[in-house]
Amino acid sequence: MAKSELQKQIERTAYINTMLAKGYIFVPISELKSYMPVINISTLNKITTAILNGENSVPISRKQYMELRNKLQKYKDKIYKLNQCAELNNIGIQCEKNNDIAGAIKVYEQNIEIKYPATHAYKRLMILYRKQGDLENELRVIKVACKVFPKSDEYKSRREKVQELIKKAKKQGTYKS
């Protein structure tokens, strides 16, 4: 025998009250769509089930809801930094093509201030400073790269090489700081 509409509403109301008593909030599915880039599979399954059941909201713990908000903000910040990094890299590349080395260095320096984990600006700065014989700035860039890419042996070994070059230049009296 099929449940009556009244019985379904009574069960739904009881469910809602139980979830509210447990500290859950009911978040509209339309709002949760904005969190899609950071939603975990469990919450995604809840959303799917709610949609299939004709519901328009999903129960989520207050803690999880706050975590979603924080994760989304971090995600947006990361995307912003990525876009900013790519834009600055493109400007730096164009400066280099136009033989504007000072402009390229300026733009790449702005880029490494972002500390987004993309290697282009770091590598180009190291090369440009080396070509200018500016070992001090090359070493500074390498040290920043070592912090941004702590697992990369490439920057660590380059740091050692540049430190040796500086020592050698100081010994020979050709070092300019």
Protein backbone atom coordinates (compact mmCIF):
# COMPACT_ATOMS: atom_id res chain seq x y z
CA MET A 1 0.00 0.00 0.00
CA ALA A 2 1.41 3.40 -1.03
CA LYS A 3 2.09 6.05 1.57
CA SER A 4 -0.30 8.95 1.60
CA GLU A 5 0.96 12.44 0.95
CA LEU A 6 0.20 13.33 4.55
CA GLN A 7 2.34 10.41 5.80
CA LYS A 8 5.22 11.49 3.50
CA GLN A 9 5.02 15.05 4.83
CA ILE A 10 4.98 13.82 8.43
CA GLU A 11 8.08 11.66 7.77
CA ARG A 12 9.84 14.52 5.98
CA THR A 13 9.08 16.92 8.85
CA ALA A 14 10.38 14.39 11.38
CA TYR A 15 13.54 13.93 9.30
CA ILE A 16 14.10 17.69 9.06
CA ASN A 17 13.59 18.15 12.80
CA THR A 18 15.99 15.29 13.58
CA MET A 19 18.68 16.75 11.31
CA LEU A 20 18.21 20.25 12.76
CA ALA A 21 18.48 18.81 16.29
CA LYS A 22 21.79 17.19 15.27
CA GLY A 23 23.14 20.60 14.22
CA TYR A 24 22.63 20.31 10.48
CA ILE A 25 21.44 23.14 8.31
CA PHE A 26 19.54 22.77 5.07
CA VAL A 27 21.39 24.47 2.25
CA PRO A 28 19.57 25.14 -1.04
CA ILE A 29 20.93 23.11 -3.94
CA SER A 30 21.08 26.33 -5.96
CA GLU A 31 23.58 27.71 -3.42
CA LEU A 32 25.61 24.51 -3.34
CA LYS A 33 26.17 24.77 -7.09
CA SER A 34 28.57 27.65 -6.43
CA TYR A 35 30.68 25.30 -4.28
CA MET A 36 31.02 22.59 -6.94
CA PRO A 37 34.78 23.07 -7.47
CA VAL A 38 35.43 22.13 -3.82
CA ILE A 39 32.61 19.74 -2.93
CA ASN A 40 33.63 16.23 -1.87
CA ILE A 41 32.04 13.08 -3.26
CA SER A 42 29.91 12.47 -0.16
CA THR A 43 28.26 15.88 -0.44
CA LEU A 44 27.92 15.47 -4.17
CA ASN A 45 26.06 12.20 -3.56
CA LYS A 46 23.76 13.99 -1.09
CA ILE A 47 23.01 16.64 -3.71
CA THR A 48 22.32 14.03 -6.38
CA THR A 49 20.00 12.08 -4.09
CA ALA A 50 18.16 15.26 -3.12
CA ILE A 51 17.67 16.21 -6.76
CA LEU A 52 16.41 12.72 -7.63
CA ASN A 53 13.97 12.91 -4.70
CA GLY A 54 12.65 16.25 -5.90
CA GLU A 55 14.09 18.14 -2.93
CA ASN A 56 15.57 21.61 -3.17
CA SER A 57 17.96 21.55 -0.20
CA VAL A 58 20.56 19.29 1.40
CA PRO A 59 21.39 18.79 5.08
CA ILE A 60 24.98 19.74 5.86
CA SER A 61 26.67 20.16 9.23
CA ARG A 62 27.47 23.76 10.16
CA LYS A 63 31.15 22.83 10.37
CA GLN A 64 31.12 21.32 6.87
CA TYR A 65 29.28 24.36 5.54
CA MET A 66 31.93 26.70 6.96
CA GLU A 67 34.67 24.46 5.55
CA LEU A 68 33.03 24.66 2.13
CA ARG A 69 33.04 28.45 2.32
CA ASN A 70 36.72 28.49 3.32
CA LYS A 71 37.70 25.96 0.65
CA LEU A 72 35.87 27.95 -2.01
CA GLN A 73 37.67 31.15 -1.01
CA LYS A 74 41.04 29.39 -1.11
CA TYR A 75 40.13 27.92 -4.51
CA LYS A 76 39.18 31.37 -5.85
CA ASP A 77 42.42 32.85 -4.48
CA LYS A 78 44.43 30.09 -6.16
CA ILE A 79 42.68 30.64 -9.50
CA TYR A 80 43.27 34.38 -9.21
CA LYS A 81 46.98 33.82 -8.53
CA LEU A 82 47.21 31.37 -11.43
CA ASN A 83 45.65 33.87 -13.82
CA GLN A 84 47.85 36.68 -12.52
CA CYS A 85 50.93 34.46 -12.85
CA ALA A 86 50.07 33.48 -16.43
CA GLU A 87 49.40 37.08 -17.41
CA LEU A 88 52.70 38.28 -15.96
CA ASN A 89 54.58 35.42 -17.63
CA ASN A 90 53.07 36.38 -20.99
CA ILE A 91 54.12 40.00 -20.49
CA GLY A 92 57.63 38.88 -19.49
CA ILE A 93 57.90 36.66 -22.55
CA GLN A 94 56.82 39.56 -24.77
CA CYS A 95 59.38 41.85 -23.11
CA GLU A 96 62.11 39.30 -23.81
CA LYS A 97 60.99 39.01 -27.44
CA ASN A 98 61.25 42.80 -27.69
CA ASN A 99 64.73 42.62 -26.10
CA ASP A 100 63.45 44.60 -23.08
CA ILE A 101 65.40 42.64 -20.48
CA ALA A 102 64.87 45.22 -17.72
CA GLY A 103 61.12 45.08 -18.36
CA ALA A 104 61.14 41.29 -18.34
CA ILE A 105 63.05 41.21 -15.05
CA LYS A 106 60.62 43.71 -13.50
CA VAL A 107 57.60 41.63 -14.55
CA TYR A 108 59.12 38.30 -13.51
CA GLU A 109 60.04 39.83 -10.13
CA GLN A 110 56.39 40.83 -9.68
CA ASN A 111 55.45 37.29 -10.59
CA ILE A 112 57.64 35.60 -8.00
CA GLU A 113 56.17 37.87 -5.31
CA ILE A 114 52.89 36.02 -5.89
CA LYS A 115 54.66 32.78 -4.91
CA TYR A 116 52.41 30.74 -7.16
CA PRO A 117 54.09 27.37 -7.79
CA ALA A 118 54.86 27.84 -11.47
CA THR A 119 58.49 27.66 -12.55
CA HIS A 120 58.70 29.93 -15.61
CA ALA A 121 59.40 33.27 -13.88
CA TYR A 122 61.95 31.73 -11.50
CA LYS A 123 63.86 30.01 -14.28
CA ARG A 124 63.85 33.05 -16.54
CA LEU A 125 65.04 35.33 -13.74
CA MET A 126 67.88 32.95 -12.91
CA ILE A 127 68.94 32.91 -16.55
CA LEU A 128 68.60 36.68 -17.03
CA TYR A 129 70.54 37.49 -13.87
CA ARG A 130 73.25 34.97 -14.81
CA LYS A 131 73.61 36.59 -18.25
CA GLN A 132 74.05 39.95 -16.51
CA GLY A 133 76.60 38.47 -14.12
CA ASP A 134 74.33 39.34 -11.18
CA LEU A 135 74.98 36.30 -9.00
CA GLU A 136 73.55 37.96 -5.89
CA ASN A 137 70.09 38.40 -7.44
CA GLU A 138 70.28 34.98 -9.03
CA LEU A 139 70.94 33.49 -5.59
CA ARG A 140 68.08 35.50 -4.07
CA VAL A 141 65.66 34.17 -6.70
CA ILE A 142 66.92 30.63 -6.15
CA LYS A 143 66.35 30.95 -2.40
CA VAL A 144 62.76 32.05 -2.99
CA ALA A 145 62.30 29.16 -5.43
CA CYS A 146 63.60 26.73 -2.81
CA LYS A 147 60.86 27.92 -0.45
CA VAL A 148 58.13 27.73 -3.09
CA PHE A 149 59.34 24.37 -4.41
CA PRO A 150 60.78 22.69 -1.29
CA LYS A 151 60.87 19.23 -2.89
CA SER A 152 62.76 20.35 -5.99
CA ASP A 153 66.40 19.30 -6.01
CA GLU A 154 66.96 21.39 -9.14
CA TYR A 155 66.87 24.67 -7.21
CA LYS A 156 68.89 23.29 -4.30
CA SER A 157 71.71 22.13 -6.56
CA ARG A 158 71.65 25.42 -8.47
CA ARG A 159 71.85 27.30 -5.16
CA GLU A 160 75.01 25.37 -4.28
CA LYS A 161 76.55 26.09 -7.69
CA VAL A 162 75.84 29.81 -7.45
CA GLN A 163 77.21 29.95 -3.92
CA GLU A 164 80.40 28.32 -5.21
CA LEU A 165 80.59 30.83 -8.08
CA ILE A 166 80.26 33.69 -5.60
CA LYS A 167 83.01 32.25 -3.38
CA LYS A 168 85.27 31.80 -6.41
CA ALA A 169 84.61 35.35 -7.65
CA LYS A 170 85.32 36.76 -4.19
CA LYS A 171 88.61 34.85 -4.04
CA GLN A 172 89.59 36.19 -7.46
CA GLY A 173 88.51 39.70 -6.53
CA THR A 174 86.04 39.81 -9.44
CA TYR A 175 82.90 39.65 -7.33
CA LYS A 176 80.54 42.61 -7.62
CA SER A 177 77.66 42.75 -5.15
